[in-house]
Amino acid sequence: MNVTAVVRLIQCILIIWRIQAMGKQVTNVAKGIGMGVLAGTAVAAVSAKVLSGGRKKSSSMRKTAGKAMHTMSNLMGDMEKLLR
């Protein structure tokens, strides 16, 4: 086998390995950003309702925020599967 062919083969293997490593990092970054946005939105929505007054409104808002968080976690899971 030719030396240059071996060197090129090693270079190709390293390139494929780097692409896989970058893909994993992108997935982790995307999940982190999504969870941060989700948490910030939930806190803002609940605090806005609590500050506006009314116990019934705030409890229904907590339920709605819980449902929204569940939906967003499902969405993040689907996005993670797409990025793989």
N, C-alpha and C. Protein backbone atom coordinates (compact mmCIF):
# COMPACT_ATOMS: atom_id res chain seq x y z
N MET A 1 0.84 -1.18 0.00
CA MET A 1 0.00 0.00 0.00
C MET A 1 0.89 1.24 0.00
N ASN A 2 0.46 2.22 -0.69
CA ASN A 2 1.21 3.45 -0.84
C ASN A 2 1.12 4.29 0.44
N VAL A 3 2.20 4.99 0.79
CA VAL A 3 2.24 5.81 2.00
C VAL A 3 1.24 6.95 1.91
N THR A 4 1.12 7.57 0.77
CA THR A 4 0.18 8.68 0.63
C THR A 4 -1.26 8.20 0.77
N ALA A 5 -1.54 6.99 0.32
CA ALA A 5 -2.89 6.45 0.46
C ALA A 5 -3.22 6.23 1.93
N VAL A 6 -2.25 5.75 2.70
CA VAL A 6 -2.46 5.54 4.13
C VAL A 6 -2.69 6.87 4.83
N VAL A 7 -1.93 7.88 4.48
CA VAL A 7 -2.07 9.20 5.09
C VAL A 7 -3.45 9.78 4.77
N ARG A 8 -3.89 9.64 3.53
CA ARG A 8 -5.21 10.15 3.16
C ARG A 8 -6.34 9.41 3.87
N LEU A 9 -6.17 8.11 4.03
CA LEU A 9 -7.15 7.32 4.75
C LEU A 9 -7.26 7.78 6.20
N ILE A 10 -6.13 8.02 6.83
CA ILE A 10 -6.13 8.51 8.22
C ILE A 10 -6.77 9.89 8.29
N GLN A 11 -6.50 10.75 7.33
CA GLN A 11 -7.12 12.08 7.31
C GLN A 11 -8.63 11.97 7.18
N CYS A 12 -9.11 11.08 6.33
CA CYS A 12 -10.56 10.91 6.17
C CYS A 12 -11.20 10.40 7.46
N ILE A 13 -10.54 9.47 8.12
CA ILE A 13 -11.07 8.95 9.39
C ILE A 13 -11.14 10.06 10.43
N LEU A 14 -10.11 10.89 10.50
CA LEU A 14 -10.11 12.00 11.46
C LEU A 14 -11.21 13.02 11.15
N ILE A 15 -11.43 13.28 9.87
CA ILE A 15 -12.49 14.23 9.49
C ILE A 15 -13.86 13.70 9.90
N ILE A 16 -14.10 12.42 9.66
CA ILE A 16 -15.39 11.82 10.05
C ILE A 16 -15.55 11.87 11.56
N TRP A 17 -14.49 11.60 12.30
CA TRP A 17 -14.54 11.63 13.76
C TRP A 17 -14.84 13.04 14.27
N ARG A 18 -14.24 14.05 13.64
CA ARG A 18 -14.48 15.45 14.05
C ARG A 18 -15.93 15.86 13.78
N ILE A 19 -16.47 15.42 12.65
CA ILE A 19 -17.86 15.75 12.31
C ILE A 19 -18.81 15.13 13.33
N GLN A 20 -18.55 13.89 13.74
CA GLN A 20 -19.39 13.26 14.75
C GLN A 20 -19.30 14.00 16.08
N ALA A 21 -18.10 14.41 16.47
CA ALA A 21 -17.92 15.14 17.73
C ALA A 21 -18.66 16.47 17.69
N MET A 22 -18.60 17.17 16.55
CA MET A 22 -19.31 18.45 16.43
C MET A 22 -20.81 18.24 16.50
N GLY A 23 -21.31 17.18 15.91
CA GLY A 23 -22.74 16.89 15.96
C GLY A 23 -23.23 16.69 17.38
N LYS A 24 -22.46 15.99 18.19
CA LYS A 24 -22.83 15.79 19.59
C LYS A 24 -22.84 17.11 20.35
N GLN A 25 -21.86 17.98 20.09
CA GLN A 25 -21.80 19.27 20.77
C GLN A 25 -22.98 20.15 20.36
N VAL A 26 -23.33 20.12 19.09
CA VAL A 26 -24.47 20.92 18.62
C VAL A 26 -25.75 20.47 19.30
N THR A 27 -25.92 19.17 19.46
CA THR A 27 -27.11 18.65 20.13
C THR A 27 -27.17 19.14 21.57
N ASN A 28 -26.06 19.09 22.28
CA ASN A 28 -26.03 19.53 23.67
C ASN A 28 -26.29 21.03 23.78
N VAL A 29 -25.73 21.81 22.88
CA VAL A 29 -25.95 23.25 22.90
C VAL A 29 -27.41 23.57 22.61
N ALA A 30 -27.98 22.90 21.62
CA ALA A 30 -29.39 23.15 21.27
C ALA A 30 -30.31 22.80 22.43
N LYS A 31 -30.03 21.69 23.11
CA LYS A 31 -30.85 21.31 24.26
C LYS A 31 -30.72 22.34 25.37
N GLY A 32 -29.51 22.82 25.63
CA GLY A 32 -29.30 23.82 26.67
C GLY A 32 -30.00 25.12 26.39
N ILE A 33 -29.92 25.57 25.16
CA ILE A 33 -30.59 26.82 24.78
C ILE A 33 -32.10 26.66 24.89
N GLY A 34 -32.62 25.55 24.41
CA GLY A 34 -34.07 25.32 24.47
C GLY A 34 -34.58 25.25 25.90
N MET A 35 -33.85 24.58 26.77
CA MET A 35 -34.28 24.49 28.17
C MET A 35 -34.21 25.84 28.86
N GLY A 36 -33.20 26.64 28.52
CA GLY A 36 -33.10 27.98 29.09
C GLY A 36 -34.26 28.87 28.67
N VAL A 37 -34.59 28.82 27.39
CA VAL A 37 -35.73 29.60 26.89
C VAL A 37 -37.02 29.13 27.53
N LEU A 38 -37.19 27.83 27.65
CA LEU A 38 -38.39 27.26 28.26
C LEU A 38 -38.53 27.70 29.71
N ALA A 39 -37.46 27.60 30.47
CA ALA A 39 -37.51 27.99 31.88
C ALA A 39 -37.81 29.48 32.03
N GLY A 40 -37.17 30.30 31.23
CA GLY A 40 -37.40 31.74 31.30
C GLY A 40 -38.83 32.11 30.95
N THR A 41 -39.38 31.48 29.94
CA THR A 41 -40.76 31.75 29.53
C THR A 41 -41.75 31.32 30.60
N ALA A 42 -41.52 30.15 31.18
CA ALA A 42 -42.43 29.66 32.22
C ALA A 42 -42.40 30.58 33.45
N VAL A 43 -41.22 30.98 33.86
CA VAL A 43 -41.09 31.86 35.03
C VAL A 43 -41.76 33.21 34.74
N ALA A 44 -41.54 33.74 33.57
CA ALA A 44 -42.14 35.03 33.23
C ALA A 44 -43.67 34.95 33.19
N ALA A 45 -44.20 33.88 32.62
CA ALA A 45 -45.65 33.74 32.52
C ALA A 45 -46.28 33.57 33.89
N VAL A 46 -45.70 32.72 34.72
CA VAL A 46 -46.27 32.48 36.05
C VAL A 46 -46.15 33.74 36.90
N SER A 47 -45.02 34.40 36.86
CA SER A 47 -44.87 35.61 37.68
C SER A 47 -45.80 36.72 37.23
N ALA A 48 -46.06 36.84 35.94
CA ALA A 48 -46.98 37.86 35.45
C ALA A 48 -48.39 37.60 35.97
N LYS A 49 -48.81 36.33 35.96
CA LYS A 49 -50.15 36.00 36.46
C LYS A 49 -50.24 36.18 37.97
N VAL A 50 -49.19 35.80 38.69
CA VAL A 50 -49.22 35.93 40.14
C VAL A 50 -49.27 37.40 40.53
N LEU A 51 -48.53 38.23 39.84
CA LEU A 51 -48.51 39.65 40.17
C LEU A 51 -49.82 40.33 39.80
N SER A 52 -50.53 39.80 38.82
CA SER A 52 -51.80 40.43 38.43
C SER A 52 -52.90 40.13 39.44
N GLY A 53 -52.70 39.14 40.30
CA GLY A 53 -53.65 38.86 41.38
C GLY A 53 -54.60 37.73 41.03
N GLY A 54 -55.26 37.26 42.06
CA GLY A 54 -56.25 36.21 41.88
C GLY A 54 -55.66 34.83 42.02
N ARG A 55 -56.12 34.09 43.06
CA ARG A 55 -55.56 32.75 43.31
C ARG A 55 -55.99 31.77 42.22
N LYS A 56 -57.24 31.89 41.77
CA LYS A 56 -57.73 30.94 40.75
C LYS A 56 -56.96 31.12 39.45
N LYS A 57 -56.65 32.35 39.10
CA LYS A 57 -55.91 32.60 37.88
C LYS A 57 -54.50 32.02 37.97
N SER A 58 -53.87 32.20 39.12
CA SER A 58 -52.49 31.72 39.24
C SER A 58 -52.43 30.20 39.24
N SER A 59 -53.41 29.52 39.86
CA SER A 59 -53.37 28.06 39.86
C SER A 59 -53.61 27.51 38.46
N SER A 60 -54.53 28.13 37.71
CA SER A 60 -54.76 27.66 36.34
C SER A 60 -53.55 27.95 35.47
N MET A 61 -52.86 29.06 35.78
CA MET A 61 -51.66 29.38 35.01
C MET A 61 -50.55 28.38 35.30
N ARG A 62 -50.44 27.92 36.54
CA ARG A 62 -49.43 26.91 36.87
C ARG A 62 -49.70 25.61 36.11
N LYS A 63 -50.98 25.23 36.04
CA LYS A 63 -51.32 24.02 35.28
C LYS A 63 -50.98 24.20 33.81
N THR A 64 -51.30 25.35 33.26
CA THR A 64 -51.01 25.62 31.86
C THR A 64 -49.51 25.64 31.62
N ALA A 65 -48.76 26.23 32.56
CA ALA A 65 -47.31 26.26 32.41
C ALA A 65 -46.73 24.85 32.48
N GLY A 66 -47.28 24.01 33.34
CA GLY A 66 -46.83 22.63 33.42
C GLY A 66 -47.07 21.88 32.12
N LYS A 67 -48.24 22.11 31.52
CA LYS A 67 -48.54 21.47 30.24
C LYS A 67 -47.60 21.98 29.15
N ALA A 68 -47.32 23.29 29.19
CA ALA A 68 -46.42 23.87 28.19
C ALA A 68 -45.00 23.32 28.35
N MET A 69 -44.56 23.14 29.59
CA MET A 69 -43.23 22.58 29.82
C MET A 69 -43.16 21.13 29.31
N HIS A 70 -44.22 20.37 29.53
CA HIS A 70 -44.25 18.99 29.04
C HIS A 70 -44.19 18.96 27.52
N THR A 71 -44.94 19.83 26.88
CA THR A 71 -44.95 19.91 25.42
C THR A 71 -43.58 20.30 24.89
N MET A 72 -42.95 21.28 25.55
CA MET A 72 -41.63 21.73 25.10
C MET A 72 -40.59 20.64 25.31
N SER A 73 -40.70 19.87 26.38
CA SER A 73 -39.73 18.79 26.58
C SER A 73 -39.89 17.73 25.49
N ASN A 74 -41.12 17.46 25.08
CA ASN A 74 -41.34 16.54 23.96
C ASN A 74 -40.75 17.10 22.68
N LEU A 75 -40.92 18.40 22.47
CA LEU A 75 -40.38 19.05 21.28
C LEU A 75 -38.85 18.98 21.28
N MET A 76 -38.24 19.22 22.45
CA MET A 76 -36.78 19.16 22.54
C MET A 76 -36.29 17.73 22.26
N GLY A 77 -37.02 16.74 22.74
CA GLY A 77 -36.66 15.36 22.45
C GLY A 77 -36.71 15.07 20.96
N ASP A 78 -37.75 15.59 20.30
CA ASP A 78 -37.86 15.39 18.86
C ASP A 78 -36.74 16.10 18.10
N MET A 79 -36.39 17.31 18.56
CA MET A 79 -35.30 18.04 17.92
C MET A 79 -33.98 17.31 18.10
N GLU A 80 -33.79 16.71 19.28
CA GLU A 80 -32.57 15.95 19.53
C GLU A 80 -32.48 14.76 18.57
N LYS A 81 -33.61 14.10 18.35
CA LYS A 81 -33.63 12.97 17.42
C LYS A 81 -33.33 13.41 16.00
N LEU A 82 -33.81 14.61 15.62
CA LEU A 82 -33.54 15.12 14.28
C LEU A 82 -32.07 15.45 14.09
N LEU A 83 -31.42 15.96 15.14
CA LEU A 83 -30.03 16.35 15.03
C LEU A 83 -29.09 15.15 15.05
N ARG A 84 -29.56 14.01 15.44
CA ARG A 84 -28.69 12.82 15.48
C ARG A 84 -28.49 12.27 14.13
